[in-house]
Amino acid sequence: MNTLQQLVTPESVILDLEETDHEEVVLEMIHHLCEIGKVPSGECYAIGNAVLERESHIGTGLGSGVAIPHARVKGLKETLVVFGRSKEGVDFDCPDNAPSHLIFLMLVPEDQAASHLQILSELSRIFQHSELRRMLEEAKTPEEVSEIFASAAAAA
């Protein structure tokens, strides 16, 4: 089973998301997975649709500036993540109506429901801590973001 320590690598971090619309942000993050070779470019469109379909039913904004768009994806071989930051903030329909600045996209193979829930639970615990959110907002490099997640996951 993958842990956040293994999943959040420097290459899976986008320090400055360009898009501001939540659907476009999701697609930007999936496109990043294609660019770094984690998803075959021919599958980006289908995966994007799977995530947006899920988003249309239930918002993935947690509040406190955090959103975790996620989906279980048929045919996916391994769990994939992208962490992105938005200076402007993105409307992910959060309960507190605040924009999300810390966005964590997670794609999980369709047959790994337990892993999916375990990672979501771990992320929820991490994002509850205002100090960790502040550190992620202020991190200067993808390596620093990766180290913050690794430390938080090890301490959880």
N, C-alpha and C. Protein backbone atom coordinates (compact mmCIF):
# COMPACT_ATOMS: atom_id res chain seq x y z
N MET A 1 0.84 -1.19 0.00
CA MET A 1 0.00 0.00 0.00
C MET A 1 0.89 1.26 0.00
N ASN A 2 0.55 2.18 -0.87
CA ASN A 2 1.31 3.42 -0.95
C ASN A 2 0.98 4.34 0.21
N THR A 3 2.00 5.06 0.66
CA THR A 3 1.79 6.06 1.70
C THR A 3 2.01 7.44 1.10
N LEU A 4 1.59 8.45 1.81
CA LEU A 4 1.80 9.82 1.33
C LEU A 4 3.28 10.09 1.13
N GLN A 5 4.10 9.51 2.00
CA GLN A 5 5.55 9.69 1.87
C GLN A 5 6.03 9.23 0.50
N GLN A 6 5.49 8.13 0.01
CA GLN A 6 5.89 7.61 -1.29
C GLN A 6 5.22 8.35 -2.45
N LEU A 7 4.01 8.82 -2.22
CA LEU A 7 3.22 9.39 -3.30
C LEU A 7 3.56 10.84 -3.63
N VAL A 8 3.84 11.64 -2.61
CA VAL A 8 4.09 13.06 -2.85
C VAL A 8 5.59 13.27 -3.08
N THR A 9 5.96 13.17 -4.35
CA THR A 9 7.35 13.37 -4.75
C THR A 9 7.47 14.80 -5.31
N PRO A 10 8.68 15.33 -5.36
CA PRO A 10 8.83 16.68 -5.93
C PRO A 10 8.22 16.82 -7.33
N GLU A 11 8.30 15.77 -8.14
CA GLU A 11 7.75 15.87 -9.50
C GLU A 11 6.22 15.92 -9.50
N SER A 12 5.60 15.54 -8.39
CA SER A 12 4.13 15.55 -8.32
C SER A 12 3.59 16.83 -7.66
N VAL A 13 4.42 17.87 -7.61
CA VAL A 13 4.04 19.13 -6.97
C VAL A 13 4.00 20.25 -8.02
N ILE A 14 2.91 21.03 -8.00
CA ILE A 14 2.80 22.23 -8.82
C ILE A 14 2.70 23.41 -7.84
N LEU A 15 3.74 24.21 -7.77
CA LEU A 15 3.77 25.31 -6.80
C LEU A 15 2.79 26.42 -7.14
N ASP A 16 2.55 26.67 -8.42
CA ASP A 16 1.67 27.75 -8.83
C ASP A 16 0.74 27.28 -9.94
N LEU A 17 -0.46 26.87 -9.54
CA LEU A 17 -1.44 26.47 -10.53
C LEU A 17 -1.83 27.69 -11.37
N GLU A 18 -1.98 27.48 -12.67
CA GLU A 18 -2.31 28.59 -13.56
C GLU A 18 -3.81 28.84 -13.62
N GLU A 19 -4.59 27.77 -13.61
CA GLU A 19 -6.04 27.89 -13.77
C GLU A 19 -6.70 28.37 -12.48
N THR A 20 -7.92 28.93 -12.61
CA THR A 20 -8.65 29.40 -11.44
C THR A 20 -10.05 28.77 -11.33
N ASP A 21 -10.54 28.16 -12.40
CA ASP A 21 -11.81 27.46 -12.38
C ASP A 21 -11.57 26.03 -11.89
N HIS A 22 -12.42 25.51 -11.02
CA HIS A 22 -12.12 24.22 -10.40
C HIS A 22 -12.02 23.09 -11.42
N GLU A 23 -12.85 23.07 -12.45
CA GLU A 23 -12.75 22.02 -13.47
C GLU A 23 -11.43 22.14 -14.23
N GLU A 24 -11.05 23.36 -14.56
CA GLU A 24 -9.80 23.58 -15.29
C GLU A 24 -8.59 23.23 -14.43
N VAL A 25 -8.68 23.48 -13.13
CA VAL A 25 -7.58 23.12 -12.21
C VAL A 25 -7.41 21.60 -12.19
N VAL A 26 -8.52 20.88 -12.10
CA VAL A 26 -8.46 19.41 -12.10
C VAL A 26 -7.78 18.92 -13.38
N LEU A 27 -8.19 19.48 -14.51
CA LEU A 27 -7.59 19.07 -15.79
C LEU A 27 -6.11 19.46 -15.87
N GLU A 28 -5.76 20.62 -15.34
CA GLU A 28 -4.35 21.04 -15.31
C GLU A 28 -3.51 20.03 -14.51
N MET A 29 -4.06 19.58 -13.39
CA MET A 29 -3.32 18.64 -12.54
C MET A 29 -3.20 17.27 -13.21
N ILE A 30 -4.25 16.82 -13.88
CA ILE A 30 -4.19 15.55 -14.60
C ILE A 30 -3.20 15.67 -15.76
N HIS A 31 -3.23 16.79 -16.45
CA HIS A 31 -2.27 17.02 -17.54
C HIS A 31 -0.83 16.95 -17.02
N HIS A 32 -0.62 17.44 -15.81
CA HIS A 32 0.71 17.36 -15.19
C HIS A 32 1.14 15.89 -15.05
N LEU A 33 0.21 15.02 -14.64
CA LEU A 33 0.53 13.59 -14.54
C LEU A 33 0.93 13.03 -15.90
N CYS A 34 0.30 13.50 -16.95
CA CYS A 34 0.65 13.06 -18.31
C CYS A 34 2.04 13.57 -18.68
N GLU A 35 2.32 14.84 -18.35
CA GLU A 35 3.62 15.43 -18.67
C GLU A 35 4.78 14.72 -17.98
N ILE A 36 4.57 14.26 -16.75
CA ILE A 36 5.66 13.59 -16.03
C ILE A 36 5.68 12.08 -16.29
N GLY A 37 4.81 11.63 -17.20
CA GLY A 37 4.84 10.23 -17.63
C GLY A 37 4.12 9.25 -16.72
N LYS A 38 3.31 9.75 -15.80
CA LYS A 38 2.58 8.85 -14.89
C LYS A 38 1.30 8.30 -15.53
N VAL A 39 0.76 9.05 -16.49
CA VAL A 39 -0.45 8.64 -17.19
C VAL A 39 -0.17 8.74 -18.68
N PRO A 40 -0.49 7.69 -19.46
CA PRO A 40 -0.33 7.80 -20.91
C PRO A 40 -1.19 8.94 -21.45
N SER A 41 -0.64 9.74 -22.35
CA SER A 41 -1.35 10.93 -22.82
C SER A 41 -2.72 10.58 -23.40
N GLY A 42 -2.87 9.42 -23.96
CA GLY A 42 -4.16 9.00 -24.52
C GLY A 42 -5.23 8.79 -23.47
N GLU A 43 -4.84 8.66 -22.20
CA GLU A 43 -5.81 8.40 -21.14
C GLU A 43 -6.18 9.66 -20.33
N CYS A 44 -5.48 10.76 -20.59
CA CYS A 44 -5.72 11.99 -19.81
C CYS A 44 -7.17 12.45 -19.89
N TYR A 45 -7.74 12.42 -21.08
CA TYR A 45 -9.10 12.91 -21.27
C TYR A 45 -10.09 12.05 -20.47
N ALA A 46 -9.97 10.74 -20.58
CA ALA A 46 -10.89 9.84 -19.87
C ALA A 46 -10.76 9.99 -18.36
N ILE A 47 -9.53 10.11 -17.87
CA ILE A 47 -9.32 10.28 -16.43
C ILE A 47 -9.88 11.62 -15.96
N GLY A 48 -9.66 12.65 -16.75
CA GLY A 48 -10.22 13.96 -16.42
C GLY A 48 -11.73 13.89 -16.31
N ASN A 49 -12.37 13.20 -17.25
CA ASN A 49 -13.83 13.05 -17.20
C ASN A 49 -14.28 12.28 -15.97
N ALA A 50 -13.52 11.26 -15.57
CA ALA A 50 -13.89 10.46 -14.39
C ALA A 50 -13.87 11.33 -13.13
N VAL A 51 -12.84 12.16 -13.00
CA VAL A 51 -12.74 13.02 -11.82
C VAL A 51 -13.84 14.08 -11.85
N LEU A 52 -14.06 14.70 -13.01
CA LEU A 52 -15.08 15.75 -13.09
C LEU A 52 -16.48 15.19 -12.89
N GLU A 53 -16.70 13.96 -13.34
CA GLU A 53 -18.00 13.31 -13.11
C GLU A 53 -18.24 13.15 -11.62
N ARG A 54 -17.22 12.70 -10.90
CA ARG A 54 -17.34 12.54 -9.45
C ARG A 54 -17.56 13.90 -8.78
N GLU A 55 -16.83 14.90 -9.24
CA GLU A 55 -16.95 16.25 -8.70
C GLU A 55 -18.36 16.81 -8.88
N SER A 56 -19.02 16.42 -9.97
CA SER A 56 -20.36 16.95 -10.24
C SER A 56 -21.40 16.44 -9.24
N HIS A 57 -21.10 15.32 -8.57
CA HIS A 57 -22.03 14.74 -7.60
C HIS A 57 -21.77 15.23 -6.18
N ILE A 58 -20.52 15.28 -5.81
CA ILE A 58 -20.15 15.66 -4.44
C ILE A 58 -18.93 16.57 -4.51
N GLY A 59 -19.02 17.75 -3.93
CA GLY A 59 -17.88 18.65 -3.90
C GLY A 59 -16.75 18.06 -3.05
N THR A 60 -15.53 18.41 -3.38
CA THR A 60 -14.39 17.86 -2.66
C THR A 60 -13.63 18.92 -1.88
N GLY A 61 -14.25 20.06 -1.69
CA GLY A 61 -13.65 21.10 -0.86
C GLY A 61 -13.86 20.76 0.61
N LEU A 62 -12.78 20.75 1.38
CA LEU A 62 -12.87 20.44 2.80
C LEU A 62 -13.14 21.67 3.64
N GLY A 63 -12.69 22.82 3.16
CA GLY A 63 -12.73 24.04 3.94
C GLY A 63 -11.32 24.38 4.39
N SER A 64 -11.17 25.51 5.05
CA SER A 64 -9.85 25.99 5.51
C SER A 64 -8.84 26.09 4.37
N GLY A 65 -9.34 26.36 3.16
CA GLY A 65 -8.45 26.54 2.02
C GLY A 65 -7.96 25.26 1.37
N VAL A 66 -8.64 24.13 1.65
CA VAL A 66 -8.17 22.82 1.16
C VAL A 66 -9.25 22.13 0.32
N ALA A 67 -8.82 21.50 -0.77
CA ALA A 67 -9.71 20.65 -1.57
C ALA A 67 -8.95 19.38 -1.94
N ILE A 68 -9.69 18.27 -1.99
CA ILE A 68 -9.08 16.99 -2.37
C ILE A 68 -9.93 16.33 -3.46
N PRO A 69 -9.82 16.82 -4.70
CA PRO A 69 -10.53 16.13 -5.78
C PRO A 69 -9.92 14.73 -5.94
N HIS A 70 -10.79 13.74 -6.08
CA HIS A 70 -10.30 12.37 -6.16
C HIS A 70 -11.30 11.48 -6.88
N ALA A 71 -10.80 10.36 -7.38
CA ALA A 71 -11.67 9.39 -8.03
C ALA A 71 -10.96 8.05 -8.08
N ARG A 72 -11.78 7.00 -8.10
CA ARG A 72 -11.26 5.67 -8.39
C ARG A 72 -11.40 5.51 -9.90
N VAL A 73 -10.32 5.06 -10.53
CA VAL A 73 -10.25 5.06 -11.99
C VAL A 73 -10.03 3.63 -12.52
N LYS A 74 -10.93 3.21 -13.38
CA LYS A 74 -10.84 1.90 -14.02
C LYS A 74 -9.58 1.83 -14.88
N GLY A 75 -8.84 0.74 -14.75
CA GLY A 75 -7.66 0.52 -15.57
C GLY A 75 -6.38 1.14 -15.02
N LEU A 76 -6.48 1.96 -14.00
CA LEU A 76 -5.29 2.56 -13.40
C LEU A 76 -4.51 1.49 -12.65
N LYS A 77 -3.19 1.50 -12.77
CA LYS A 77 -2.35 0.46 -12.16
C LYS A 77 -1.88 0.82 -10.76
N GLU A 78 -1.73 2.13 -10.49
CA GLU A 78 -1.20 2.55 -9.19
C GLU A 78 -1.86 3.87 -8.78
N THR A 79 -1.82 4.15 -7.48
CA THR A 79 -2.33 5.42 -6.98
C THR A 79 -1.42 6.55 -7.44
N LEU A 80 -2.05 7.62 -7.92
CA LEU A 80 -1.30 8.78 -8.40
C LEU A 80 -1.83 10.03 -7.71
N VAL A 81 -0.93 10.94 -7.39
CA VAL A 81 -1.32 12.19 -6.76
C VAL A 81 -0.58 13.36 -7.38
N VAL A 82 -1.22 14.52 -7.26
CA VAL A 82 -0.59 15.79 -7.60
C VAL A 82 -1.03 16.77 -6.52
N PHE A 83 -0.09 17.50 -5.97
CA PHE A 83 -0.39 18.56 -5.03
C PHE A 83 -0.16 19.88 -5.75
N GLY A 84 -1.14 20.76 -5.69
CA GLY A 84 -0.99 22.06 -6.32
C GLY A 84 -1.42 23.18 -5.40
N ARG A 85 -0.80 24.35 -5.61
CA ARG A 85 -1.15 25.55 -4.85
C ARG A 85 -1.70 26.60 -5.79
N SER A 86 -2.71 27.30 -5.31
CA SER A 86 -3.30 28.38 -6.08
C SER A 86 -3.23 29.66 -5.25
N LYS A 87 -2.52 30.64 -5.77
CA LYS A 87 -2.42 31.92 -5.06
C LYS A 87 -3.80 32.59 -4.97
N GLU A 88 -4.54 32.59 -6.08
CA GLU A 88 -5.84 33.25 -6.12
C GLU A 88 -6.91 32.47 -5.37
N GLY A 89 -6.77 31.15 -5.32
CA GLY A 89 -7.79 30.31 -4.73
C GLY A 89 -8.80 29.86 -5.77
N VAL A 90 -9.37 28.70 -5.52
CA VAL A 90 -10.29 28.08 -6.46
C VAL A 90 -11.55 27.67 -5.70
N ASP A 91 -12.71 27.89 -6.32
CA ASP A 91 -13.97 27.53 -5.68
C ASP A 91 -14.23 26.03 -5.85
N PHE A 92 -14.04 25.28 -4.78
CA PHE A 92 -14.31 23.84 -4.77
C PHE A 92 -15.55 23.54 -3.93
N ASP A 93 -16.44 24.53 -3.81
CA ASP A 93 -17.69 24.33 -3.09
C ASP A 93 -17.44 23.87 -1.65
N CYS A 94 -16.56 24.57 -0.96
CA CYS A 94 -16.21 24.22 0.42
C CYS A 94 -17.34 24.59 1.37
N PRO A 95 -17.48 23.85 2.46
CA PRO A 95 -18.53 24.14 3.44
C PRO A 95 -18.42 25.56 4.03
N ASP A 96 -17.19 26.08 4.12
CA ASP A 96 -17.00 27.42 4.68
C ASP A 96 -17.05 28.53 3.60
N ASN A 97 -17.36 28.12 2.37
CA ASN A 97 -17.45 29.04 1.22
C ASN A 97 -16.15 29.77 0.91
N ALA A 98 -15.04 29.34 1.49
CA ALA A 98 -13.73 29.95 1.22
C ALA A 98 -13.09 29.28 0.01
N PRO A 99 -12.29 30.03 -0.73
CA PRO A 99 -11.58 29.41 -1.86
C PRO A 99 -10.50 28.45 -1.36
N SER A 100 -10.19 27.46 -2.20
CA SER A 100 -9.14 26.50 -1.86
C SER A 100 -7.82 26.96 -2.47
N HIS A 101 -6.80 26.97 -1.63
CA HIS A 101 -5.45 27.33 -2.09
C HIS A 101 -4.54 26.11 -2.14
N LEU A 102 -4.86 25.09 -1.35
CA LEU A 102 -4.08 23.85 -1.31
C LEU A 102 -4.97 22.76 -1.89
N ILE A 103 -4.54 22.23 -3.04
CA ILE A 103 -5.39 21.27 -3.75
C ILE A 103 -4.60 19.98 -3.96
N PHE A 104 -5.21 18.89 -3.55
CA PHE A 104 -4.56 17.59 -3.59
C PHE A 104 -5.41 16.67 -4.45
N LEU A 105 -4.95 16.39 -5.68
CA LEU A 105 -5.65 15.49 -6.59
C LEU A 105 -5.16 14.07 -6.37
N MET A 106 -6.10 13.15 -6.21
CA MET A 106 -5.72 11.75 -5.99
C MET A 106 -6.53 10.85 -6.93
N LEU A 107 -5.81 9.97 -7.63
CA LEU A 107 -6.41 8.97 -8.50
C LEU A 107 -6.01 7.60 -7.97
N VAL A 108 -7.00 6.74 -7.77
CA VAL A 108 -6.76 5.43 -7.18
C VAL A 108 -7.33 4.36 -8.11
N PRO A 109 -6.63 3.23 -8.28
CA PRO A 109 -7.21 2.15 -9.07
C PRO A 109 -8.59 1.76 -8.54
N GLU A 110 -9.48 1.45 -9.46
CA GLU A 110 -10.88 1.17 -9.12
C GLU A 110 -11.05 0.10 -8.04
N ASP A 111 -10.16 -0.87 -8.02
CA ASP A 111 -10.30 -2.01 -7.09
C ASP A 111 -9.59 -1.79 -5.75
N GLN A 112 -9.16 -0.56 -5.47
CA GLN A 112 -8.43 -0.29 -4.23
C GLN A 112 -9.17 0.68 -3.31
N ALA A 113 -10.42 0.34 -3.01
CA ALA A 113 -11.25 1.21 -2.17
C ALA A 113 -10.63 1.43 -0.79
N ALA A 114 -10.07 0.40 -0.19
CA ALA A 114 -9.50 0.54 1.16
C ALA A 114 -8.32 1.51 1.16
N SER A 115 -7.46 1.41 0.16
CA SER A 115 -6.32 2.31 0.04
C SER A 115 -6.80 3.74 -0.15
N HIS A 116 -7.82 3.90 -0.97
CA HIS A 116 -8.41 5.20 -1.26
C HIS A 116 -8.87 5.86 0.05
N LEU A 117 -9.62 5.13 0.84
CA LEU A 117 -10.14 5.67 2.10
C LEU A 117 -9.03 5.95 3.11
N GLN A 118 -8.03 5.09 3.14
CA GLN A 118 -6.92 5.27 4.08
C GLN A 118 -6.15 6.56 3.76
N ILE A 119 -5.89 6.81 2.49
CA ILE A 119 -5.16 8.02 2.10
C ILE A 119 -6.01 9.26 2.35
N LEU A 120 -7.31 9.20 2.04
CA LEU A 120 -8.19 10.34 2.32
C LEU A 120 -8.21 10.66 3.81
N SER A 121 -8.25 9.63 4.64
CA SER A 121 -8.25 9.81 6.08
C SER A 121 -6.95 10.47 6.54
N GLU A 122 -5.84 9.99 6.01
CA GLU A 122 -4.52 10.54 6.36
C GLU A 122 -4.44 12.02 5.96
N LEU A 123 -4.92 12.33 4.74
CA LEU A 123 -4.91 13.72 4.27
C LEU A 123 -5.77 14.61 5.14
N SER A 124 -6.94 14.12 5.50
CA SER A 124 -7.84 14.91 6.35
C SER A 124 -7.18 15.25 7.67
N ARG A 125 -6.48 14.27 8.26
CA ARG A 125 -5.77 14.53 9.53
C ARG A 125 -4.68 15.58 9.34
N ILE A 126 -3.93 15.46 8.26
CA ILE A 126 -2.83 16.40 8.01
C ILE A 126 -3.37 17.81 7.81
N PHE A 127 -4.41 17.95 6.98
CA PHE A 127 -4.92 19.27 6.65
C PHE A 127 -5.69 19.92 7.79
N GLN A 128 -5.99 19.19 8.86
CA GLN A 128 -6.64 19.78 10.03
C GLN A 128 -5.70 20.72 10.79
N HIS A 129 -4.41 20.55 10.60
CA HIS A 129 -3.42 21.32 11.35
C HIS A 129 -3.08 22.62 10.61
N SER A 130 -3.46 23.74 11.21
CA SER A 130 -3.23 25.03 10.56
C SER A 130 -1.74 25.29 10.32
N GLU A 131 -0.89 24.79 11.20
CA GLU A 131 0.55 24.98 11.02
C GLU A 131 1.05 24.27 9.76
N LEU A 132 0.57 23.07 9.51
CA LEU A 132 0.97 22.34 8.30
C LEU A 132 0.44 23.03 7.05
N ARG A 133 -0.79 23.52 7.12
CA ARG A 133 -1.34 24.26 5.97
C ARG A 133 -0.48 25.49 5.69
N ARG A 134 -0.10 26.20 6.74
CA ARG A 134 0.74 27.40 6.58
C ARG A 134 2.08 27.02 5.95
N MET A 135 2.69 25.94 6.44
CA MET A 135 3.98 25.50 5.89
C MET A 135 3.86 25.16 4.41
N LEU A 136 2.77 24.49 4.03
CA LEU A 136 2.57 24.15 2.62
C LEU A 136 2.35 25.40 1.78
N GLU A 137 1.66 26.38 2.33
CA GLU A 137 1.44 27.63 1.60
C GLU A 137 2.73 28.41 1.40
N GLU A 138 3.66 28.28 2.34
CA GLU A 138 4.90 29.06 2.29
C GLU A 138 6.09 28.31 1.69
N ALA A 139 5.95 27.02 1.42
CA ALA A 139 7.07 26.25 0.88
C ALA A 139 7.56 26.88 -0.42
N LYS A 140 8.88 26.90 -0.58
CA LYS A 140 9.49 27.57 -1.74
C LYS A 140 9.80 26.62 -2.90
N THR A 141 9.94 25.31 -2.59
CA THR A 141 10.33 24.35 -3.63
C THR A 141 9.44 23.11 -3.56
N PRO A 142 9.34 22.38 -4.68
CA PRO A 142 8.61 21.10 -4.65
C PRO A 142 9.21 20.12 -3.64
N GLU A 143 10.52 20.16 -3.48
CA GLU A 143 11.18 19.27 -2.52
C GLU A 143 10.72 19.56 -1.10
N GLU A 144 10.57 20.84 -0.80
CA GLU A 144 10.13 21.25 0.54
C GLU A 144 8.69 20.75 0.79
N VAL A 145 7.82 20.88 -0.21
CA VAL A 145 6.44 20.38 -0.09
C VAL A 145 6.45 18.88 0.16
N SER A 146 7.24 18.17 -0.60
CA SER A 146 7.35 16.72 -0.45
C SER A 146 7.81 16.34 0.96
N GLU A 147 8.79 17.07 1.47
CA GLU A 147 9.31 16.82 2.82
C GLU A 147 8.26 17.10 3.90
N ILE A 148 7.45 18.13 3.70
CA ILE A 148 6.38 18.47 4.66
C ILE A 148 5.38 17.32 4.74
N PHE A 149 4.96 16.81 3.58
CA PHE A 149 4.02 15.68 3.57
C PHE A 149 4.66 14.44 4.19
N ALA A 150 5.93 14.19 3.89
CA ALA A 150 6.62 13.01 4.45
C ALA A 150 6.69 13.10 5.96
N SER A 151 7.06 14.26 6.48
CA SER A 151 7.15 14.45 7.94
C SER A 151 5.79 14.32 8.61
N ALA A 152 4.77 14.92 7.99
CA ALA A 152 3.42 14.87 8.55
C ALA A 152 2.89 13.44 8.54
N ALA A 153 3.14 12.72 7.46
CA ALA A 153 2.67 11.34 7.36
C ALA A 153 3.38 10.45 8.37
N ALA A 154 4.67 10.70 8.57
CA ALA A 154 5.44 9.89 9.54
C ALA A 154 4.96 10.15 10.97
N ALA A 155 4.54 11.39 11.23
CA ALA A 155 4.10 11.75 12.58
C ALA A 155 2.66 11.32 12.87
N ALA A 156 1.90 11.07 11.80
CA ALA A 156 0.46 10.74 11.96
C ALA A 156 0.26 9.37 12.59
